[in-house]
Amino acid sequence: SAADQERVLELAAEMGLSCGRSRWGLDMDEIEKHILLGFKELVFAQIVQEGVHVRIDVVRRVDVPPDEQEQSPGHLVADFDGIIEDVLVRRGTAAVSPGDAVCRGDILIYGWQGEQQLAADGIVTARVWCEGYGECALQEEYSEPSGVSLQSLGIRVDGGPFLQLVGPADVPYDEYSLEETTELTLLWRNTGPTVEIISRQISELIAGVNEYNAEQAQTIAATRAEENAFAALERLLGAAAAESTVLTQDTEELPLDDGPARAHTVLEVLAPIGVAQPLEQN
């Protein structure tokens, strides 16, 4: 938003970075940290120098807990494996440094400062890697809806088999998909079995074959590898995926003399990895 942009520019100006002023002698790493410390809703800040121009890239935290929410003393620990890139401590004591390799569960920021126990807070970013594989045969069978379907209605008693009441007794399609919806659930005479009234939509599927040359198959395999790599990234990072930055994306073809075309994609990502872990109470 415009308000966020203005706030970032104000914080940068406090450290001497502003329009019309020389960048000589400015420490860009310190300015980035100053922005993150002054704007706690941010999870990432990077200053990119492009000739005579400077661009400030920031990523806002997806879900920021309210400041007034009381937090129990605890550590900040790694939510997944990675190589530490940067450690910004707001509260607590740093347990790792840039370049350290960490595994899931390792402490990043201790939940104490001196003898005082507190809720560790900070931003710890790390480089993490995800990979995906994809393949494509020169001939691939597929099925898709023909647009023809039929309806049926029946009951199911206590999770048992579907008992059809209305509709054709046999499905007239060689291939089909089935979508089932529970319309109503009843308790028979209040104490008897549970009876579900269920509607079914049965859609006809038609089969076909896609044919590709070697180049087309390899392109499709590479696309699938990339899609699978990003899906793996979503599974690994969860909500943190929205706050991550892809640093490199490397897709390698794995051609074979026989069999489908194959490809392998590796993503190198910069992401926040810290999650709160309460201190063990003795």
C-alpha atoms as a PDB file:
ATOM      1  CA  SER A   1       0.000   0.000   0.000  1.00  0.00           C
ATOM      2  CA  ALA A   2       1.005   3.643  -0.263  1.00  0.00           C
ATOM      3  CA  ALA A   3       1.242   3.890   3.532  1.00  0.00           C
ATOM      4  CA  ASP A   4       3.595   0.909   3.685  1.00  0.00           C
ATOM      5  CA  GLN A   5       5.727   2.351   0.891  1.00  0.00           C
ATOM      6  CA  GLU A   6       5.991   5.690   2.670  1.00  0.00           C
ATOM      7  CA  ARG A   7       6.948   3.984   5.918  1.00  0.00           C
ATOM      8  CA  VAL A   8       9.726   1.983   4.248  1.00  0.00           C
ATOM      9  CA  LEU A   9      11.108   5.127   2.577  1.00  0.00           C
ATOM     10  CA  GLU A  10      11.064   7.001   5.888  1.00  0.00           C
ATOM     11  CA  LEU A  11      13.015   4.233   7.622  1.00  0.00           C
ATOM     12  CA  ALA A  12      15.545   4.155   4.767  1.00  0.00           C
ATOM     13  CA  ALA A  13      15.923   7.950   4.973  1.00  0.00           C
ATOM     14  CA  GLU A  14      16.681   7.699   8.696  1.00  0.00           C
ATOM     15  CA  MET A  15      19.804   5.754   7.719  1.00  0.00           C
ATOM     16  CA  GLY A  16      20.761   8.241   4.994  1.00  0.00           C
ATOM     17  CA  LEU A  17      19.216   6.523   1.965  1.00  0.00           C
ATOM     18  CA  SER A  18      16.870   8.926   0.173  1.00  0.00           C
ATOM     19  CA  CYS A  19      16.263  10.464  -3.249  1.00  0.00           C
ATOM     20  CA  GLY A  20      18.982  12.853  -4.397  1.00  0.00           C
ATOM     21  CA  ARG A  21      21.510  11.850  -1.733  1.00  0.00           C
ATOM     22  CA  SER A  22      24.796  10.082  -2.422  1.00  0.00           C
ATOM     23  CA  ARG A  23      25.047   6.395  -1.493  1.00  0.00           C
ATOM     24  CA  TRP A  24      28.736   6.781  -0.727  1.00  0.00           C
ATOM     25  CA  GLY A  25      29.598   5.264   2.655  1.00  0.00           C
ATOM     26  CA  LEU A  26      26.139   3.794   3.289  1.00  0.00           C
ATOM     27  CA  ASP A  27      25.935   0.251   4.676  1.00  0.00           C
ATOM     28  CA  MET A  28      23.053  -1.371   2.792  1.00  0.00           C
ATOM     29  CA  ASP A  29      22.946  -4.396   5.112  1.00  0.00           C
ATOM     30  CA  GLU A  30      22.466  -2.130   8.124  1.00  0.00           C
ATOM     31  CA  ILE A  31      19.744  -0.170   6.313  1.00  0.00           C
ATOM     32  CA  GLU A  32      17.904  -3.419   5.545  1.00  0.00           C
ATOM     33  CA  LYS A  33      18.056  -4.422   9.213  1.00  0.00           C
ATOM     34  CA  HIS A  34      16.885  -0.960  10.290  1.00  0.00           C
ATOM     35  CA  ILE A  35      13.846  -1.278   8.014  1.00  0.00           C
ATOM     36  CA  LEU A  36      13.003  -4.720   9.400  1.00  0.00           C
ATOM     37  CA  LEU A  37      13.402  -3.578  13.014  1.00  0.00           C
ATOM     38  CA  GLY A  38      11.321  -0.456  12.436  1.00  0.00           C
ATOM     39  CA  PHE A  39       8.562  -2.174  10.450  1.00  0.00           C
ATOM     40  CA  LYS A  40       7.896  -5.456  12.259  1.00  0.00           C
ATOM     41  CA  GLU A  41       5.103  -6.465   9.853  1.00  0.00           C
ATOM     42  CA  LEU A  42       7.838  -7.111   7.264  1.00  0.00           C
ATOM     43  CA  VAL A  43       9.531 -10.476   7.018  1.00  0.00           C
ATOM     44  CA  PHE A  44      12.021  -9.592   4.268  1.00  0.00           C
ATOM     45  CA  ALA A  45      13.795  -6.456   3.047  1.00  0.00           C
ATOM     46  CA  GLN A  46      16.466  -6.179   0.351  1.00  0.00           C
ATOM     47  CA  ILE A  47      18.120  -3.168  -1.245  1.00  0.00           C
ATOM     48  CA  VAL A  48      19.010  -3.718  -4.903  1.00  0.00           C
ATOM     49  CA  GLN A  49      21.422  -1.266  -6.574  1.00  0.00           C
ATOM     50  CA  GLU A  50      20.891  -0.841 -10.307  1.00  0.00           C
ATOM     51  CA  GLY A  51      23.365   1.671 -11.690  1.00  0.00           C
ATOM     52  CA  VAL A  52      22.389   5.107 -10.350  1.00  0.00           C
ATOM     53  CA  HIS A  53      19.069   3.755  -9.064  1.00  0.00           C
ATOM     54  CA  VAL A  54      18.180   1.892  -5.869  1.00  0.00           C
ATOM     55  CA  ARG A  55      15.191  -0.429  -5.382  1.00  0.00           C
ATOM     56  CA  ILE A  56      13.945  -1.592  -1.988  1.00  0.00           C
ATOM     57  CA  ASP A  57      12.171  -4.967  -2.135  1.00  0.00           C
ATOM     58  CA  VAL A  58      10.080  -5.932   0.895  1.00  0.00           C
ATOM     59  CA  VAL A  59       7.719  -8.787   1.792  1.00  0.00           C
ATOM     60  CA  ARG A  60       4.937  -8.263   4.314  1.00  0.00           C
ATOM     61  CA  ARG A  61       4.210 -10.939   6.890  1.00  0.00           C
ATOM     62  CA  VAL A  62       1.053 -12.843   5.968  1.00  0.00           C
ATOM     63  CA  ASP A  63      -0.330 -13.135   9.499  1.00  0.00           C
ATOM     64  CA  VAL A  64       0.956 -10.745  12.158  1.00  0.00           C
ATOM     65  CA  PRO A  65      -0.232 -11.463  15.707  1.00  0.00           C
ATOM     66  CA  PRO A  66      -1.540  -8.376  17.549  1.00  0.00           C
ATOM     67  CA  ASP A  67       1.051  -6.566  19.644  1.00  0.00           C
ATOM     68  CA  GLU A  68      -1.099  -6.826  22.717  1.00  0.00           C
ATOM     69  CA  GLN A  69      -1.258 -10.626  22.564  1.00  0.00           C
ATOM     70  CA  GLU A  70       0.656 -12.068  25.515  1.00  0.00           C
ATOM     71  CA  GLN A  71       3.266 -14.641  24.549  1.00  0.00           C
ATOM     72  CA  SER A  72       4.728 -17.301  26.806  1.00  0.00           C
ATOM     73  CA  PRO A  73       8.522 -17.597  27.158  1.00  0.00           C
ATOM     74  CA  GLY A  74       9.976 -19.782  24.445  1.00  0.00           C
ATOM     75  CA  HIS A  75      12.639 -20.297  21.807  1.00  0.00           C
ATOM     76  CA  LEU A  76      12.449 -19.615  18.095  1.00  0.00           C
ATOM     77  CA  VAL A  77      13.264 -22.904  16.346  1.00  0.00           C
ATOM     78  CA  ALA A  78      13.745 -24.018  12.742  1.00  0.00           C
ATOM     79  CA  ASP A  79      10.598 -25.265  11.033  1.00  0.00           C
ATOM     80  CA  PHE A  80      12.622 -27.026   8.316  1.00  0.00           C
ATOM     81  CA  ASP A  81      16.221 -27.693   7.216  1.00  0.00           C
ATOM     82  CA  GLY A  82      18.349 -24.987   5.592  1.00  0.00           C
ATOM     83  CA  ILE A  83      21.505 -22.881   5.554  1.00  0.00           C
ATOM     84  CA  ILE A  84      21.212 -19.703   7.625  1.00  0.00           C
ATOM     85  CA  GLU A  85      21.385 -16.530   5.540  1.00  0.00           C
ATOM     86  CA  ASP A  86      20.572 -13.799   8.068  1.00  0.00           C
ATOM     87  CA  VAL A  87      19.638 -13.496  11.750  1.00  0.00           C
ATOM     88  CA  LEU A  88      17.732 -10.475  13.052  1.00  0.00           C
ATOM     89  CA  VAL A  89      17.017 -10.668  16.809  1.00  0.00           C
ATOM     90  CA  ARG A  90      14.235  -8.556  18.310  1.00  0.00           C
ATOM     91  CA  ARG A  91      14.083 -10.401  21.629  1.00  0.00           C
ATOM     92  CA  GLY A  92      16.262 -13.168  22.999  1.00  0.00           C
ATOM     93  CA  THR A  93      19.764 -14.409  22.236  1.00  0.00           C
ATOM     94  CA  ALA A  94      20.934 -15.609  18.829  1.00  0.00           C
ATOM     95  CA  ALA A  95      21.844 -19.304  18.705  1.00  0.00           C
ATOM     96  CA  VAL A  96      22.985 -19.439  15.064  1.00  0.00           C
ATOM     97  CA  SER A  97      24.990 -17.345  12.620  1.00  0.00           C
ATOM     98  CA  PRO A  98      24.928 -16.892   8.822  1.00  0.00           C
ATOM     99  CA  GLY A  99      26.383 -19.951   7.116  1.00  0.00           C
ATOM    100  CA  ASP A 100      25.251 -22.422   9.791  1.00  0.00           C
ATOM    101  CA  ALA A 101      23.404 -25.538   8.651  1.00  0.00           C
ATOM    102  CA  VAL A 102      20.281 -26.220  10.711  1.00  0.00           C
ATOM    103  CA  CYS A 103      17.769 -29.039  10.894  1.00  0.00           C
ATOM    104  CA  ARG A 104      14.116 -28.864  11.776  1.00  0.00           C
ATOM    105  CA  GLY A 105      13.724 -28.286  15.539  1.00  0.00           C
ATOM    106  CA  ASP A 106      17.136 -26.642  16.045  1.00  0.00           C
ATOM    107  CA  ILE A 107      17.052 -23.505  18.223  1.00  0.00           C
ATOM    108  CA  LEU A 108      17.604 -20.297  16.256  1.00  0.00           C
ATOM    109  CA  ILE A 109      17.002 -17.687  18.974  1.00  0.00           C
ATOM    110  CA  TYR A 110      17.072 -18.622  22.659  1.00  0.00           C
ATOM    111  CA  GLY A 111      14.111 -17.556  24.771  1.00  0.00           C
ATOM    112  CA  TRP A 112      16.206 -15.793  27.341  1.00  0.00           C
ATOM    113  CA  GLN A 113      18.394 -12.737  27.724  1.00  0.00           C
ATOM    114  CA  GLY A 114      20.789 -13.017  30.610  1.00  0.00           C
ATOM    115  CA  GLU A 115      18.721 -14.664  33.363  1.00  0.00           C
ATOM    116  CA  GLN A 116      15.392 -13.344  32.079  1.00  0.00           C
ATOM    117  CA  GLN A 117      13.084 -15.753  30.269  1.00  0.00           C
ATOM    118  CA  LEU A 118      11.068 -14.259  27.405  1.00  0.00           C
ATOM    119  CA  ALA A 119       9.346 -15.038  24.120  1.00  0.00           C
ATOM    120  CA  ALA A 120      12.082 -15.092  21.505  1.00  0.00           C
ATOM    121  CA  ASP A 121      11.281 -12.911  18.518  1.00  0.00           C
ATOM    122  CA  GLY A 122      13.135 -12.153  15.325  1.00  0.00           C
ATOM    123  CA  ILE A 123      13.501 -12.962  11.666  1.00  0.00           C
ATOM    124  CA  VAL A 124      15.807 -15.798  10.692  1.00  0.00           C
ATOM    125  CA  THR A 125      16.064 -16.429   6.967  1.00  0.00           C
ATOM    126  CA  ALA A 126      17.702 -19.436   5.368  1.00  0.00           C
ATOM    127  CA  ARG A 127      18.406 -20.929   1.985  1.00  0.00           C
ATOM    128  CA  VAL A 128      16.321 -24.038   1.432  1.00  0.00           C
ATOM    129  CA  TRP A 129      16.053 -26.394  -1.515  1.00  0.00           C
ATOM    130  CA  CYS A 130      13.150 -28.254  -3.091  1.00  0.00           C
ATOM    131  CA  GLU A 131      13.094 -30.555  -6.085  1.00  0.00           C
ATOM    132  CA  GLY A 132      10.581 -32.045  -8.459  1.00  0.00           C
ATOM    133  CA  TYR A 133      10.559 -34.639 -11.223  1.00  0.00           C
ATOM    134  CA  GLY A 134       8.435 -34.780 -14.352  1.00  0.00           C
ATOM    135  CA  GLU A 135       8.039 -37.148 -17.250  1.00  0.00           C
ATOM    136  CA  CYS A 136       6.092 -37.434 -20.483  1.00  0.00           C
ATOM    137  CA  ALA A 137       5.698 -40.395 -22.817  1.00  0.00           C
ATOM    138  CA  LEU A 138       5.512 -40.006 -26.581  1.00  0.00           C
ATOM    139  CA  GLN A 139       1.983 -41.384 -26.344  1.00  0.00           C
ATOM    140  CA  GLU A 140      -0.234 -40.605 -23.341  1.00  0.00           C
ATOM    141  CA  GLU A 141      -3.754 -41.848 -22.818  1.00  0.00           C
ATOM    142  CA  TYR A 142      -6.298 -39.471 -21.299  1.00  0.00           C
ATOM    143  CA  SER A 143     -10.003 -39.319 -20.479  1.00  0.00           C
ATOM    144  CA  GLU A 144     -12.302 -36.302 -20.320  1.00  0.00           C
ATOM    145  CA  PRO A 145     -16.033 -35.671 -19.755  1.00  0.00           C
ATOM    146  CA  SER A 146     -18.221 -36.053 -22.822  1.00  0.00           C
ATOM    147  CA  GLY A 147     -20.863 -33.712 -21.420  1.00  0.00           C
ATOM    148  CA  VAL A 148     -23.382 -36.553 -20.949  1.00  0.00           C
ATOM    149  CA  SER A 149     -24.419 -37.529 -17.415  1.00  0.00           C
ATOM    150  CA  LEU A 150     -27.246 -39.081 -15.430  1.00  0.00           C
ATOM    151  CA  GLN A 151     -28.616 -38.737 -11.893  1.00  0.00           C
ATOM    152  CA  SER A 152     -29.564 -41.323  -9.314  1.00  0.00           C
ATOM    153  CA  LEU A 153     -30.895 -41.189  -5.754  1.00  0.00           C
ATOM    154  CA  GLY A 154     -30.478 -43.689  -2.942  1.00  0.00           C
ATOM    155  CA  ILE A 155     -29.811 -44.256   0.752  1.00  0.00           C
ATOM    156  CA  ARG A 156     -26.946 -45.508   2.896  1.00  0.00           C
ATOM    157  CA  VAL A 157     -27.618 -47.008   6.326  1.00  0.00           C
ATOM    158  CA  ASP A 158     -24.932 -46.690   9.024  1.00  0.00           C
ATOM    159  CA  GLY A 159     -22.184 -46.163   6.430  1.00  0.00           C
ATOM    160  CA  GLY A 160     -23.076 -49.353   4.561  1.00  0.00           C
ATOM    161  CA  PRO A 161     -23.428 -49.893   0.805  1.00  0.00           C
ATOM    162  CA  PHE A 162     -25.345 -47.466  -1.418  1.00  0.00           C
ATOM    163  CA  LEU A 163     -28.938 -48.654  -1.956  1.00  0.00           C
ATOM    164  CA  GLN A 164     -30.334 -47.144  -5.134  1.00  0.00           C
ATOM    165  CA  LEU A 165     -33.968 -45.961  -5.156  1.00  0.00           C
ATOM    166  CA  VAL A 166     -34.285 -43.769  -8.282  1.00  0.00           C
ATOM    167  CA  GLY A 167     -32.325 -43.918 -11.534  1.00  0.00           C
ATOM    168  CA  PRO A 168     -30.960 -46.560 -13.897  1.00  0.00           C
ATOM    169  CA  ALA A 169     -29.918 -49.837 -12.319  1.00  0.00           C
ATOM    170  CA  ASP A 170     -26.801 -50.133 -14.499  1.00  0.00           C
ATOM    171  CA  VAL A 171     -24.363 -47.442 -15.659  1.00  0.00           C
ATOM    172  CA  PRO A 172     -24.515 -47.327 -19.471  1.00  0.00           C
ATOM    173  CA  TYR A 173     -20.990 -45.865 -19.908  1.00  0.00           C
ATOM    174  CA  ASP A 174     -17.733 -47.786 -20.406  1.00  0.00           C
ATOM    175  CA  GLU A 175     -15.820 -45.116 -18.482  1.00  0.00           C
ATOM    176  CA  TYR A 176     -17.311 -42.649 -16.048  1.00  0.00           C
ATOM    177  CA  SER A 177     -16.727 -40.451 -12.997  1.00  0.00           C
ATOM    178  CA  LEU A 178     -18.932 -40.491  -9.929  1.00  0.00           C
ATOM    179  CA  GLU A 179     -19.787 -37.499  -7.707  1.00  0.00           C
ATOM    180  CA  GLU A 180     -21.740 -38.246  -4.546  1.00  0.00           C
ATOM    181  CA  THR A 181     -23.568 -35.667  -2.363  1.00  0.00           C
ATOM    182  CA  THR A 182     -25.309 -36.287   0.960  1.00  0.00           C
ATOM    183  CA  GLU A 183     -28.595 -34.397   0.760  1.00  0.00           C
ATOM    184  CA  LEU A 184     -30.020 -35.308   4.187  1.00  0.00           C
ATOM    185  CA  THR A 185     -29.029 -37.353   7.264  1.00  0.00           C
ATOM    186  CA  LEU A 186     -31.712 -38.869   9.478  1.00  0.00           C
ATOM    187  CA  LEU A 187     -31.674 -40.802  12.749  1.00  0.00           C
ATOM    188  CA  TRP A 188     -34.277 -43.515  12.279  1.00  0.00           C
ATOM    189  CA  ARG A 189     -36.926 -43.202  15.034  1.00  0.00           C
ATOM    190  CA  ASN A 190     -34.423 -41.183  17.115  1.00  0.00           C
ATOM    191  CA  THR A 191     -32.615 -44.267  18.429  1.00  0.00           C
ATOM    192  CA  GLY A 192     -32.183 -46.450  15.352  1.00  0.00           C
ATOM    193  CA  PRO A 193     -29.579 -46.477  12.579  1.00  0.00           C
ATOM    194  CA  THR A 194     -28.346 -43.363  10.759  1.00  0.00           C
ATOM    195  CA  VAL A 195     -29.869 -43.038   7.301  1.00  0.00           C
ATOM    196  CA  GLU A 196     -28.262 -40.818   4.638  1.00  0.00           C
ATOM    197  CA  ILE A 197     -30.176 -39.719   1.544  1.00  0.00           C
ATOM    198  CA  ILE A 198     -27.608 -39.486  -1.242  1.00  0.00           C
ATOM    199  CA  SER A 199     -27.679 -38.143  -4.777  1.00  0.00           C
ATOM    200  CA  ARG A 200     -25.205 -39.306  -7.389  1.00  0.00           C
ATOM    201  CA  GLN A 201     -24.107 -37.691 -10.627  1.00  0.00           C
ATOM    202  CA  ILE A 202     -22.513 -40.126 -13.058  1.00  0.00           C
ATOM    203  CA  SER A 203     -20.644 -38.463 -15.941  1.00  0.00           C
ATOM    204  CA  GLU A 204     -19.503 -40.264 -19.073  1.00  0.00           C
ATOM    205  CA  LEU A 205     -15.789 -40.104 -19.897  1.00  0.00           C
ATOM    206  CA  ILE A 206     -14.339 -40.467 -23.373  1.00  0.00           C
ATOM    207  CA  ALA A 207     -10.809 -41.768 -23.883  1.00  0.00           C
ATOM    208  CA  GLY A 208      -8.155 -40.483 -26.240  1.00  0.00           C
ATOM    209  CA  VAL A 209      -4.416 -40.494 -26.913  1.00  0.00           C
ATOM    210  CA  ASN A 210      -2.044 -37.517 -27.102  1.00  0.00           C
ATOM    211  CA  GLU A 211       0.979 -38.044 -29.334  1.00  0.00           C
ATOM    212  CA  TYR A 212       4.190 -35.989 -29.019  1.00  0.00           C
ATOM    213  CA  ASN A 213       7.537 -35.845 -30.735  1.00  0.00           C
ATOM    214  CA  ALA A 214      10.708 -36.069 -28.638  1.00  0.00           C
ATOM    215  CA  GLU A 215      11.099 -32.287 -28.309  1.00  0.00           C
ATOM    216  CA  GLN A 216       7.473 -31.770 -27.243  1.00  0.00           C
ATOM    217  CA  ALA A 217       7.686 -34.590 -24.696  1.00  0.00           C
ATOM    218  CA  GLN A 218      10.844 -33.100 -23.181  1.00  0.00           C
ATOM    219  CA  THR A 219       9.230 -29.653 -22.886  1.00  0.00           C
ATOM    220  CA  ILE A 220       6.175 -31.126 -21.149  1.00  0.00           C
ATOM    221  CA  ALA A 221       8.396 -33.162 -18.816  1.00  0.00           C
ATOM    222  CA  ALA A 222      10.310 -29.998 -17.845  1.00  0.00           C
ATOM    223  CA  THR A 223       7.057 -28.114 -17.171  1.00  0.00           C
ATOM    224  CA  ARG A 224       5.785 -30.921 -14.957  1.00  0.00           C
ATOM    225  CA  ALA A 225       9.090 -31.052 -13.067  1.00  0.00           C
ATOM    226  CA  GLU A 226       8.864 -27.321 -12.352  1.00  0.00           C
ATOM    227  CA  GLU A 227       5.226 -27.609 -11.248  1.00  0.00           C
ATOM    228  CA  ASN A 228       6.089 -30.498  -8.929  1.00  0.00           C
ATOM    229  CA  ALA A 229       9.031 -28.577  -7.468  1.00  0.00           C
ATOM    230  CA  PHE A 230       6.812 -25.596  -6.618  1.00  0.00           C
ATOM    231  CA  ALA A 231       4.182 -27.953  -5.176  1.00  0.00           C
ATOM    232  CA  ALA A 232       6.892 -29.491  -2.967  1.00  0.00           C
ATOM    233  CA  LEU A 233       7.883 -25.970  -1.910  1.00  0.00           C
ATOM    234  CA  GLU A 234       4.288 -25.233  -0.851  1.00  0.00           C
ATOM    235  CA  ARG A 235       4.145 -28.457   1.157  1.00  0.00           C
ATOM    236  CA  LEU A 236       7.473 -27.765   2.870  1.00  0.00           C
ATOM    237  CA  LEU A 237       7.030 -24.099   3.724  1.00  0.00           C
ATOM    238  CA  GLY A 238       3.274 -23.951   4.254  1.00  0.00           C
ATOM    239  CA  ALA A 239       2.250 -20.361   5.025  1.00  0.00           C
ATOM    240  CA  ALA A 240       5.907 -19.254   4.806  1.00  0.00           C
ATOM    241  CA  ALA A 241       5.840 -19.978   1.054  1.00  0.00           C
ATOM    242  CA  ALA A 242       4.115 -16.615   0.522  1.00  0.00           C
ATOM    243  CA  GLU A 243       7.043 -14.904   2.274  1.00  0.00           C
ATOM    244  CA  SER A 244       9.789 -16.715   0.360  1.00  0.00           C
ATOM    245  CA  THR A 245      11.921 -15.611  -2.585  1.00  0.00           C
ATOM    246  CA  VAL A 246      13.128 -17.973  -5.319  1.00  0.00           C
ATOM    247  CA  LEU A 247      16.854 -17.375  -5.788  1.00  0.00           C
ATOM    248  CA  THR A 248      17.605 -19.930  -8.489  1.00  0.00           C
ATOM    249  CA  GLN A 249      15.601 -22.389 -10.573  1.00  0.00           C
ATOM    250  CA  ASP A 250      17.558 -25.080 -12.392  1.00  0.00           C
ATOM    251  CA  THR A 251      15.826 -27.598 -14.664  1.00  0.00           C
ATOM    252  CA  GLU A 252      17.866 -30.475 -16.072  1.00  0.00           C
ATOM    253  CA  GLU A 253      16.719 -32.740 -18.874  1.00  0.00           C
ATOM    254  CA  LEU A 254      17.113 -36.466 -18.283  1.00  0.00           C
ATOM    255  CA  PRO A 255      16.689 -37.932 -21.783  1.00  0.00           C
ATOM    256  CA  LEU A 256      16.584 -41.705 -22.169  1.00  0.00           C
ATOM    257  CA  ASP A 257      17.014 -43.826 -25.270  1.00  0.00           C
ATOM    258  CA  ASP A 258      13.860 -45.760 -24.413  1.00  0.00           C
ATOM    259  CA  GLY A 259      10.896 -44.750 -22.314  1.00  0.00           C
ATOM    260  CA  PRO A 260       9.393 -41.350 -21.474  1.00  0.00           C
ATOM    261  CA  ALA A 261      11.192 -38.009 -21.469  1.00  0.00           C
ATOM    262  CA  ARG A 262      12.217 -36.980 -17.942  1.00  0.00           C
ATOM    263  CA  ALA A 263      13.308 -33.763 -16.229  1.00  0.00           C
ATOM    264  CA  HIS A 264      14.499 -32.679 -12.781  1.00  0.00           C
ATOM    265  CA  THR A 265      14.021 -29.199 -11.274  1.00  0.00           C
ATOM    266  CA  VAL A 266      15.818 -27.810  -8.201  1.00  0.00           C
ATOM    267  CA  LEU A 267      14.643 -24.595  -6.501  1.00  0.00           C
ATOM    268  CA  GLU A 268      16.886 -22.596  -4.191  1.00  0.00           C
ATOM    269  CA  VAL A 269      14.703 -20.397  -1.997  1.00  0.00           C
ATOM    270  CA  LEU A 270      15.258 -17.759   0.668  1.00  0.00           C
ATOM    271  CA  ALA A 271      12.609 -18.108   3.353  1.00  0.00           C
ATOM    272  CA  PRO A 272      11.889 -17.298   7.018  1.00  0.00           C
ATOM    273  CA  ILE A 273      12.230 -20.544   8.974  1.00  0.00           C
ATOM    274  CA  GLY A 274      11.520 -19.636  12.601  1.00  0.00           C
ATOM    275  CA  VAL A 275       8.545 -20.874  14.653  1.00  0.00           C
ATOM    276  CA  ALA A 276       7.833 -20.408  18.352  1.00  0.00           C
ATOM    277  CA  GLN A 277       8.469 -23.255  20.785  1.00  0.00           C
ATOM    278  CA  PRO A 278       7.463 -22.804  24.474  1.00  0.00           C
ATOM    279  CA  LEU A 279      10.123 -23.356  27.106  1.00  0.00           C
ATOM    280  CA  GLU A 280       9.872 -26.656  28.953  1.00  0.00           C
ATOM    281  CA  GLN A 281       8.485 -26.141  32.426  1.00  0.00           C
ATOM    282  CA  ASN A 282      10.196 -28.067  35.213  1.00  0.00           C
END
